[in-house]
Protein backbone atom coordinates (compact mmCIF):
# COMPACT_ATOMS: atom_id res chain seq x y z
CA MET A 1 110.58 86.48 113.87
CA THR A 2 106.71 85.77 112.71
CA THR A 3 106.05 88.48 110.23
CA ARG A 4 102.85 90.59 111.68
CA THR A 5 100.02 91.58 108.54
CA VAL A 6 97.95 94.21 108.33
CA HIS A 7 95.08 95.13 106.53
CA ILE A 8 93.77 98.62 106.07
CA LYS A 9 90.06 99.64 104.54
CA CYS A 10 89.59 103.04 103.72
CA PHE A 11 86.44 104.81 103.29
CA GLY A 12 85.99 109.01 102.35
CA CYS A 13 88.01 111.63 101.29
CA GLN A 14 91.00 112.53 99.62
CA MET A 15 92.50 112.91 103.16
CA ASN A 16 91.58 110.03 104.55
CA LYS A 17 93.18 108.09 101.80
CA LEU A 18 96.35 110.16 102.23
CA ASP A 19 96.19 109.05 106.07
CA SER A 20 95.83 105.65 105.00
CA SER A 21 98.78 105.57 102.59
CA LEU A 22 100.81 107.36 105.52
CA MET A 23 99.88 104.31 107.73
CA ALA A 24 100.67 101.70 105.38
CA SER A 25 104.35 103.37 105.08
CA ALA A 26 105.12 103.49 108.60
CA LEU A 27 103.51 99.84 109.30
CA GLN A 28 105.62 98.23 106.35
CA LYS A 29 108.30 100.21 108.22
CA ARG A 30 107.73 98.87 111.58
CA GLY A 31 108.19 95.07 109.93
CA PHE A 32 104.00 94.53 108.64
CA LYS A 33 103.28 92.89 105.33
CA LEU A 34 99.88 94.28 103.92
CA VAL A 35 97.58 91.71 103.04
CA GLU A 36 94.63 92.33 100.31
CA LYS A 37 91.83 90.45 102.58
CA PRO A 38 91.17 91.20 106.02
CA ALA A 39 91.08 86.79 106.75
CA GLU A 40 94.78 86.80 105.90
CA ALA A 41 95.54 89.60 108.80
CA ASP A 42 96.44 89.95 112.00
CA ALA A 43 95.44 93.75 112.28
CA VAL A 44 92.73 95.39 110.99
CA VAL A 45 92.63 99.29 110.31
CA ILE A 46 89.35 101.16 109.26
CA ASN A 47 89.89 104.57 108.43
CA THR A 48 86.60 106.17 108.80
CA CYS A 49 84.03 109.33 107.39
CA SER A 50 81.59 110.82 109.35
CA VAL A 51 80.32 113.08 106.82
CA ARG A 52 77.31 111.84 105.98
CA GLN A 53 75.71 108.96 108.44
CA HIS A 54 75.64 106.49 105.58
CA ALA A 55 79.80 106.24 105.27
CA GLU A 56 79.43 105.38 109.22
CA ALA A 57 76.46 102.81 108.53
CA ARG A 58 78.92 101.39 106.05
CA VAL A 59 81.51 101.21 108.60
CA PHE A 60 79.39 99.77 111.15
CA SER A 61 78.52 97.03 108.90
CA HIS A 62 81.99 96.23 107.65
CA LEU A 63 82.35 95.92 112.07
CA GLY A 64 79.34 93.24 111.94
CA HIS A 65 81.87 91.08 109.26
CA LEU A 66 84.84 91.15 111.53
CA LYS A 67 83.51 90.59 114.27
CA HIS A 68 82.50 87.11 113.01
CA LEU A 69 86.09 86.72 111.62
CA LYS A 70 87.78 87.57 114.46
CA LYS A 71 85.83 84.52 116.24
CA THR A 72 88.01 82.33 113.18
CA ARG A 73 91.18 84.19 114.43
CA PRO A 74 91.62 84.57 118.16
CA GLY A 75 94.07 87.97 118.91
CA MET A 76 92.92 89.75 115.99
CA ILE A 77 93.14 93.53 116.76
CA ILE A 78 90.59 96.06 114.84
CA ALA A 79 91.61 99.58 114.74
CA ILE A 80 89.55 102.21 113.98
CA THR A 81 90.77 105.87 113.12
CA GLY A 82 89.51 108.63 111.23
CA CYS A 83 86.94 111.16 111.38
CA MET A 84 84.55 108.93 113.18
CA ALA A 85 86.73 108.08 115.60
CA GLN A 86 87.39 111.47 116.72
CA ARG A 87 83.38 111.71 116.52
CA LEU A 88 83.04 109.05 118.86
CA GLY A 89 85.92 108.15 120.99
CA GLN A 90 85.47 105.96 123.92
CA SER A 91 82.00 104.99 122.57
CA LEU A 92 83.40 102.93 120.27
CA LEU A 93 85.44 100.56 122.64
CA ALA A 94 82.19 99.79 123.61
CA ASN A 95 81.89 97.55 120.63
CA ASP A 96 83.80 94.38 121.78
CA THR A 97 84.99 94.01 118.25
CA ILE A 98 86.92 97.36 118.27
CA ASP A 99 90.54 97.64 119.98
CA ILE A 100 91.72 100.51 118.88
CA VAL A 101 90.77 103.84 118.50
CA VAL A 102 92.70 106.92 116.96
CA GLY A 103 92.21 110.25 116.33
CA PRO A 104 93.29 111.99 112.58
CA HIS A 105 95.73 114.15 114.61
CA GLN A 106 97.16 110.74 116.30
CA ILE A 107 98.01 108.50 113.17
CA PRO A 108 101.73 108.57 114.19
CA HIS A 109 100.99 106.65 117.30
CA MET A 110 99.41 103.79 115.35
CA PRO A 111 102.45 101.84 114.37
CA ASP A 112 103.28 101.84 118.12
CA MET A 113 99.50 100.74 119.50
CA LEU A 114 99.08 98.12 117.09
CA ILE A 115 102.22 96.74 118.05
CA ALA A 116 101.44 96.85 122.08
CA ALA A 117 97.80 95.64 121.32
CA LEU A 118 99.11 92.29 119.26
CA GLU A 119 101.88 91.77 121.92
CA ASN A 120 99.53 92.11 125.49
CA GLY A 121 96.03 92.64 124.04
CA LYS A 122 95.29 95.95 125.75
CA ARG A 123 92.62 98.16 124.26
CA THR A 124 93.58 101.76 124.09
CA ILE A 125 92.36 105.23 122.69
CA ALA A 126 94.67 108.34 121.52
CA VAL A 127 91.80 111.33 120.28
CA THR A 128 92.15 114.81 120.91
CA ASP A 129 90.18 115.92 124.03
CA HIS A 130 89.31 119.55 122.59
CA ILE A 131 89.07 119.15 119.22
CA ARG A 132 88.79 123.12 118.27
CA LYS A 133 92.50 123.70 120.37
CA PRO A 134 94.93 124.14 117.88
CA ASP A 135 96.97 121.33 118.32
CA ASP A 136 100.70 122.34 120.21
CA GLN A 137 103.72 123.01 118.23
CA THR A 138 105.18 119.43 119.17
CA ALA A 139 102.07 117.88 117.73
CA LEU A 140 102.15 119.60 114.84
CA GLU A 141 105.92 119.16 114.31
CA ARG A 142 105.18 115.06 114.92
CA LEU A 143 102.43 115.29 112.17
CA ASP A 144 104.50 117.03 109.66
CA THR A 145 107.62 114.77 110.22
CA PHE A 146 105.16 112.18 109.89
CA GLU A 147 103.98 112.48 106.60
CA ILE A 148 107.84 114.02 104.97
CA ALA A 149 108.78 110.52 106.12
CA HIS A 150 106.14 108.57 104.53
CA ASP A 151 104.74 110.03 102.27
CA SER A 152 105.05 108.42 98.47
CA ASP A 153 103.43 106.67 95.44
CA LYS A 154 103.48 102.89 96.86
CA ASN A 155 100.03 102.71 97.98
CA HIS A 156 98.11 105.15 95.52
CA ILE A 157 98.62 105.12 91.97
CA LYS A 158 101.82 105.38 90.33
CA SER A 159 103.36 108.44 90.10
CA GLN A 160 101.02 110.23 91.67
CA ALA A 161 100.88 111.61 95.49
CA TYR A 162 98.78 114.07 97.99
CA VAL A 163 100.57 116.73 99.66
CA ARG A 164 98.43 117.89 102.63
CA ILE A 165 98.99 121.91 102.61
CA MET A 166 96.58 122.49 105.62
CA ARG A 167 94.80 120.80 108.52
CA GLY A 168 91.03 121.50 109.75
CA CYS A 169 88.37 123.72 108.96
CA ASN A 170 87.13 127.11 109.71
CA ASN A 171 84.03 127.31 107.83
CA PHE A 172 81.25 125.82 109.52
CA CYS A 173 79.03 125.29 107.09
CA SER A 174 75.51 124.32 109.23
CA TYR A 175 75.24 121.00 107.61
CA CYS A 176 79.19 119.78 107.98
CA ILE A 177 80.71 117.94 111.03
CA VAL A 178 84.46 118.96 109.58
CA PRO A 179 85.02 121.59 111.61
CA TYR A 180 84.21 119.17 114.94
CA VAL A 181 86.49 116.34 113.86
CA ARG A 182 89.04 117.98 112.01
CA GLY A 183 89.55 120.87 114.16
CA PRO A 184 90.46 124.21 113.64
CA GLU A 185 92.58 125.45 110.25
CA ILE A 186 96.36 125.00 110.38
CA SER A 187 98.50 125.97 107.11
CA ARG A 188 101.51 123.97 107.25
CA PRO A 189 104.96 125.81 107.05
CA PRO A 190 105.86 126.07 103.18
CA GLN A 191 109.15 124.48 104.01
CA ALA A 192 107.71 121.60 104.97
CA ILE A 193 105.54 121.46 102.08
CA MET A 194 107.98 121.86 99.97
CA GLU A 195 110.47 119.16 101.31
CA GLN A 196 108.08 116.78 101.28
CA ILE A 197 107.31 117.57 97.21
CA ARG A 198 111.14 117.77 96.44
CA LYS A 199 111.37 114.05 98.24
CA LEU A 200 108.32 112.94 96.07
CA ALA A 201 109.68 114.30 92.72
CA ASP A 202 113.32 112.32 93.73
CA GLN A 203 111.09 109.33 94.25
CA GLY A 204 109.72 109.75 90.71
CA ILE A 205 106.12 110.75 91.26
CA GLN A 206 105.04 113.60 88.29
CA GLN A 207 101.46 114.54 89.72
CA ILE A 208 101.41 116.27 93.36
CA THR A 209 97.75 117.35 94.21
CA LEU A 210 97.38 119.47 97.28
CA LEU A 211 95.16 118.96 100.15
CA GLY A 212 93.20 121.27 102.24
CA GLN A 213 89.58 120.94 103.88
CA THR A 214 89.57 124.76 102.54
CA VAL A 215 92.61 124.54 100.03
CA ASN A 216 92.39 127.88 98.28
CA SER A 217 92.40 129.74 102.17
CA TYR A 218 95.87 128.45 102.66
CA ALA A 219 98.05 130.86 104.61
CA TYR A 220 101.10 130.60 106.42
CA ARG A 221 102.38 133.58 107.94
CA ALA A 222 106.03 134.33 109.00
CA GLY A 223 107.06 137.68 110.43
CA ASN A 224 105.36 140.40 108.05
CA ARG A 225 104.93 137.77 105.04
CA THR A 226 102.46 135.60 104.17
CA CYS A 227 102.67 132.52 102.11
CA THR A 228 99.51 131.88 100.29
CA LEU A 229 98.50 129.14 97.79
CA ALA A 230 99.46 130.93 94.61
CA ASP A 231 102.87 131.31 95.76
CA LEU A 232 102.72 127.51 96.99
CA LEU A 233 101.60 126.68 92.93
CA GLN A 234 104.88 128.88 92.47
CA MET A 235 107.34 127.56 94.43
CA ALA A 236 105.76 123.35 93.41
CA SER A 237 105.79 124.60 89.76
CA GLU A 238 109.93 125.28 89.95
CA THR A 239 110.60 121.77 91.28
CA LYS A 240 112.09 119.41 88.90
CA GLY A 241 110.04 116.28 87.81
CA ILE A 242 106.69 117.48 88.71
CA ARG A 243 104.69 117.63 85.82
CA TRP A 244 100.59 118.30 86.89
CA LEU A 245 99.74 119.89 90.09
CA ARG A 246 96.84 119.66 91.22
CA PHE A 247 94.85 121.04 94.36
CA VAL A 248 91.32 120.13 95.88
CA THR A 249 88.94 121.46 97.70
CA SER A 250 88.25 125.20 96.78
CA HIS A 251 85.27 127.24 98.83
CA PRO A 252 83.26 129.61 97.00
CA GLY A 253 83.48 132.55 99.12
CA LYS A 254 87.30 132.51 99.88
CA PHE A 255 88.57 132.51 95.98
CA ASP A 256 91.14 135.04 95.51
CA ASP A 257 92.41 136.33 91.91
CA SER A 258 95.99 135.37 92.34
CA ILE A 259 94.99 131.43 92.37
CA LEU A 260 93.38 131.57 88.88
CA GLN A 261 96.39 134.09 87.63
CA ALA A 262 98.83 131.08 89.09
CA MET A 263 96.83 128.42 87.27
CA ALA A 264 97.07 130.49 83.97
CA LYS A 265 100.78 131.23 83.87
CA LEU A 266 101.83 128.62 85.02
CA PRO A 267 101.81 125.41 82.98
CA LYS A 268 102.38 123.03 85.06
CA VAL A 269 99.21 123.30 87.13
CA CYS A 270 96.13 121.82 85.78
CA PRO A 271 93.07 123.82 84.63
CA TYR A 272 90.51 122.23 86.89
CA LEU A 273 88.56 123.48 89.63
CA HIS A 274 86.66 121.61 92.05
CA ILE A 275 84.80 123.87 93.72
CA PRO A 276 81.22 123.06 95.32
CA ALA A 277 78.28 124.94 94.79
CA GLN A 278 75.93 122.93 97.34
CA SER A 279 73.03 124.73 96.11
CA GLY A 280 71.36 127.37 93.88
CA SER A 281 68.76 129.15 96.22
CA ASP A 282 70.50 132.07 97.93
CA ARG A 283 67.54 131.28 100.64
CA ILE A 284 69.15 127.73 101.14
CA LEU A 285 73.07 128.67 101.01
CA ALA A 286 71.76 131.09 103.67
CA ALA A 287 71.17 128.36 105.68
CA MET A 288 73.96 126.40 105.05
CA ASN A 289 76.48 129.62 106.33
CA ARG A 290 77.96 129.15 102.87
CA GLY A 291 78.74 132.90 102.68
CA TYR A 292 77.94 133.49 99.03
CA THR A 293 74.84 133.74 96.88
CA ALA A 294 74.26 131.93 93.30
CA GLY A 295 74.97 134.82 91.53
CA GLN A 296 77.83 135.35 93.35
CA TYR A 297 79.34 131.95 92.42
CA LEU A 298 78.04 132.00 88.88
CA ASP A 299 80.28 135.64 88.61
CA LEU A 300 83.19 133.42 90.18
CA LEU A 301 83.36 130.73 87.49
CA ALA A 302 82.45 133.44 84.55
CA LYS A 303 85.94 135.09 85.85
CA THR A 304 87.46 131.88 86.13
CA ARG A 305 86.46 130.87 82.27
CA GLU A 306 87.96 134.41 81.26
CA ILE A 307 91.15 133.94 83.25
CA VAL A 308 91.68 130.35 82.19
CA PRO A 309 89.69 129.33 79.00
CA GLU A 310 90.34 125.83 78.60
CA ILE A 311 89.49 124.96 82.78
CA ALA A 312 87.08 122.22 83.66
CA ILE A 313 84.82 122.42 86.75
CA ALA A 314 83.09 120.08 88.85
CA GLY A 315 81.17 121.28 91.40
CA ASP A 316 79.26 119.45 94.91
CA PHE A 317 75.94 119.17 95.68
CA ILE A 318 73.28 118.63 98.57
CA VAL A 319 69.70 118.04 98.11
CA GLY A 320 67.06 118.01 100.75
CA PHE A 321 68.42 120.23 102.81
CA PRO A 322 66.11 121.29 105.42
CA GLY A 323 63.05 123.55 104.26
CA GLU A 324 64.25 122.86 100.35
CA THR A 325 61.17 123.54 98.45
CA ASP A 326 60.51 122.80 94.98
CA GLU A 327 61.31 126.15 94.09
CA ASP A 328 64.45 126.07 95.79
CA PHE A 329 65.66 122.96 93.89
CA ALA A 330 64.38 124.63 90.85
CA ALA A 331 66.93 127.35 91.51
CA THR A 332 70.09 124.52 92.19
CA ALA A 333 68.77 123.00 88.85
CA ASP A 334 69.47 126.10 86.85
CA LEU A 335 72.27 126.79 88.33
CA VAL A 336 73.78 123.72 86.98
CA ARG A 337 72.32 124.48 83.43
CA ALA A 338 74.11 127.77 83.85
CA ALA A 339 77.62 126.68 85.18
CA ARG A 340 77.64 123.96 82.78
CA TYR A 341 80.32 121.84 84.56
CA LYS A 342 82.29 118.54 83.66
CA ASN A 343 80.69 116.64 86.52
CA ILE A 344 79.17 116.97 89.84
CA PHE A 345 78.52 115.11 92.76
CA VAL A 346 75.18 115.23 94.66
CA PHE A 347 74.40 114.01 98.23
CA LYS A 348 71.73 113.89 100.03
CA TYR A 349 71.00 115.65 103.18
CA SER A 350 72.24 113.56 106.05
CA PRO A 351 71.51 115.43 109.37
CA ARG A 352 75.18 115.27 111.70
CA PRO A 353 74.85 115.16 115.31
CA GLY A 354 76.38 118.28 116.76
CA THR A 355 76.37 120.78 113.80
CA ARG A 356 74.47 123.54 114.06
CA ALA A 357 71.63 122.20 111.02
CA ASP A 358 71.01 119.15 113.25
CA GLU A 359 70.24 121.27 116.22
CA ARG A 360 68.17 123.93 115.16
CA LEU A 361 66.65 122.90 111.48
CA ALA A 362 64.05 119.57 111.39
CA ASP A 363 64.99 117.19 108.62
CA SER A 364 61.72 118.17 107.34
CA VAL A 365 62.23 116.90 103.55
CA PRO A 366 61.12 113.50 102.72
CA LEU A 367 63.16 110.44 101.67
CA ASP A 368 61.97 109.82 98.84
CA VAL A 369 61.63 113.48 97.94
CA LYS A 370 65.23 113.63 98.31
CA GLN A 371 66.18 110.71 95.96
CA GLN A 372 64.02 112.03 93.28
CA ARG A 373 65.68 115.44 93.54
CA ASN A 374 69.19 113.86 93.71
CA HIS A 375 68.24 111.28 90.30
CA GLU A 376 66.68 114.61 88.53
CA LEU A 377 69.65 116.59 89.14
CA LEU A 378 72.30 113.89 87.93
CA ALA A 379 70.19 113.61 84.75
CA LEU A 380 70.09 116.72 84.14
CA GLN A 381 74.14 117.15 84.37
CA ASN A 382 74.69 113.72 82.51
CA GLU A 383 72.78 115.84 79.66
CA ILE A 384 75.47 118.75 80.04
CA ALA A 385 78.70 116.39 80.37
CA ALA A 386 78.02 114.59 77.49
CA ASP A 387 77.66 117.78 75.39
CA CYS A 388 80.47 118.48 76.88
CA SER A 389 82.50 115.45 76.37
CA ARG A 390 81.94 115.40 72.78
CA ARG A 391 84.18 118.23 71.48
CA PHE A 392 87.21 116.00 72.44
CA LEU A 393 85.73 113.50 69.71
CA ASN A 394 88.75 112.91 67.39
CA ARG A 395 90.95 114.85 69.00
CA THR A 396 94.49 114.00 70.67
CA VAL A 397 94.84 114.45 73.96
CA GLU A 398 97.37 113.98 76.97
CA VAL A 399 96.62 111.73 79.73
CA LEU A 400 98.73 110.33 82.79
CA VAL A 401 97.75 106.83 83.17
CA GLU A 402 96.70 105.36 86.13
CA GLY A 403 96.12 101.56 85.65
CA LEU A 404 94.00 98.50 84.67
CA SER A 405 90.72 99.92 84.16
CA LYS A 406 88.06 98.57 86.40
CA LYS A 407 85.07 98.05 84.01
CA PRO A 408 87.20 96.82 81.29
CA HIS A 409 83.25 95.78 78.99
CA LEU A 410 83.08 99.11 78.27
CA ASN A 411 85.30 99.40 75.27
CA ASN A 412 86.47 96.20 74.07
CA PRO A 413 87.50 96.10 70.80
CA GLU A 414 87.95 92.97 69.30
CA SER A 415 91.66 91.14 69.18
CA THR A 416 93.90 94.17 70.41
CA GLY A 417 95.86 91.54 72.58
CA GLN A 418 96.42 94.28 75.16
CA PRO A 419 94.50 94.96 78.62
CA GLN A 420 92.19 98.12 78.90
CA LEU A 421 93.79 100.71 80.83
CA VAL A 422 92.09 104.26 82.50
CA GLY A 423 94.08 107.87 82.66
CA ARG A 424 92.92 110.94 83.04
CA THR A 425 93.48 114.70 81.37
CA ALA A 426 94.99 117.83 82.89
CA THR A 427 91.44 118.59 83.16
CA ASP A 428 90.42 115.89 85.03
CA TYR A 429 88.42 113.75 82.33
CA ILE A 430 88.91 109.96 82.41
CA VAL A 431 90.18 108.15 79.49
CA VAL A 432 89.62 104.32 78.58
CA PHE A 433 92.06 102.85 76.21
CA ASN A 434 93.78 100.02 75.24
CA GLY A 435 97.69 99.51 75.50
CA PRO A 436 100.49 97.50 77.94
CA GLU A 437 100.47 98.06 81.56
CA SER A 438 103.36 98.75 81.35
CA LEU A 439 102.55 102.25 81.21
CA THR A 440 100.88 103.07 84.23
CA GLY A 441 102.50 106.01 85.70
CA GLN A 442 103.43 107.37 82.03
CA PHE A 443 102.82 110.51 80.24
CA ILE A 444 100.94 109.42 76.77
CA ASN A 445 98.70 110.48 74.01
CA VAL A 446 95.44 109.08 73.20
CA ARG A 447 93.31 109.94 70.21
CA ILE A 448 89.65 110.24 71.31
CA THR A 449 86.82 108.12 69.30
CA LYS A 450 84.05 107.70 71.46
CA THR A 451 82.51 110.28 74.15
CA SER A 452 80.31 109.77 76.90
CA ALA A 453 78.93 111.95 79.64
CA LEU A 454 81.58 110.74 81.84
CA THR A 455 84.25 108.91 79.78
CA LEU A 456 86.53 109.60 76.88
CA PHE A 457 87.29 106.82 74.92
CA GLY A 458 90.29 106.55 72.83
CA GLU A 459 93.50 105.16 71.09
CA HIS A 460 96.85 105.06 72.24
CA VAL A 461 98.89 107.27 69.78
């Protein structure tokens, strides 16, 4: 029998990376061979993101390339999954390049749908008809079974794996499309999560990252008991073989002290927190429906550092939200100065059809102003990050090695005879050093000899 080949292209967040890894494993078990290039593939799966217009534009640009490629490979099947698939649904099939459309909740069906399409050429769609209605128990169990069966580090970074602890979102931030493409917030049963973690640990996984759109909202109720994120961290910490635990992404308005206490007392829980602020202006935060003020956010950071002194904190910001004035942006810059982040991610506001901001607020900030604010905020953060990084100079840090560096020219001492590798500390600092590639997936010590805003450079001890 001829081996079928598949190429998977992933856009977007950690949720999409996890879904891509699960689909890759499932397809391999059904006889598909993963290939690096679309030109070598019988089927191409594109896992998509809808958080910003730019993300969707990249997908359509990629489809333009595949349209020409498909002419040279008759019978090639193109499948779209992820948030774009759920948002645009049937309309995507109007694009004659696309053969299959699969929503995030339907990814367990992807292998069968690809095989059927390759055999009979039939174009099909499987998305959730009423996305804000919770899936029935059978569908939820099918998703859990799929995750437990196919999660691994085979299609991710060696020794690391993501474990989804919840699906969906109930926050309805006015700019965000996620509740309308990922559905309502549903916490997975702790038994299923722990079964998955133990299975991964038995495979040699040493770092687990717990995922949720609002991961700190995890709450699984059974009878008169509720299992929280802090409870999960405790249970996962007791798993033999697991060295580090992380969790992303947290919402500032729903943060419980028990999580900080767990971080402080459990050595395996990494002292790192990704907690988006989005703005430093109370007026803009209210318009965003974020549910907290800038003062409350900074109070949370102060409490976090009091309980977990060595913690590193990352944040997200949106610049150019409708109605954002120079004064509003100045307030955001003030918050960044006060927060002293390890790093931040800055995004220019992008209207998303179906969100409250798009329906009620005009996209009033000019693009050039958004770009300027984006540049200014990143420049400010680079100064802060460079200062924060300098405290590591001449210190020895433990890192989990991820593999070969993608930018080896950044730190290439003469005559080492070894490739440049990259790893991360427990506080999520990127560390670059030279060493044998066989260190990938291992915990090692590195002495820091040079620092920059985003990277630590060192020598393997």
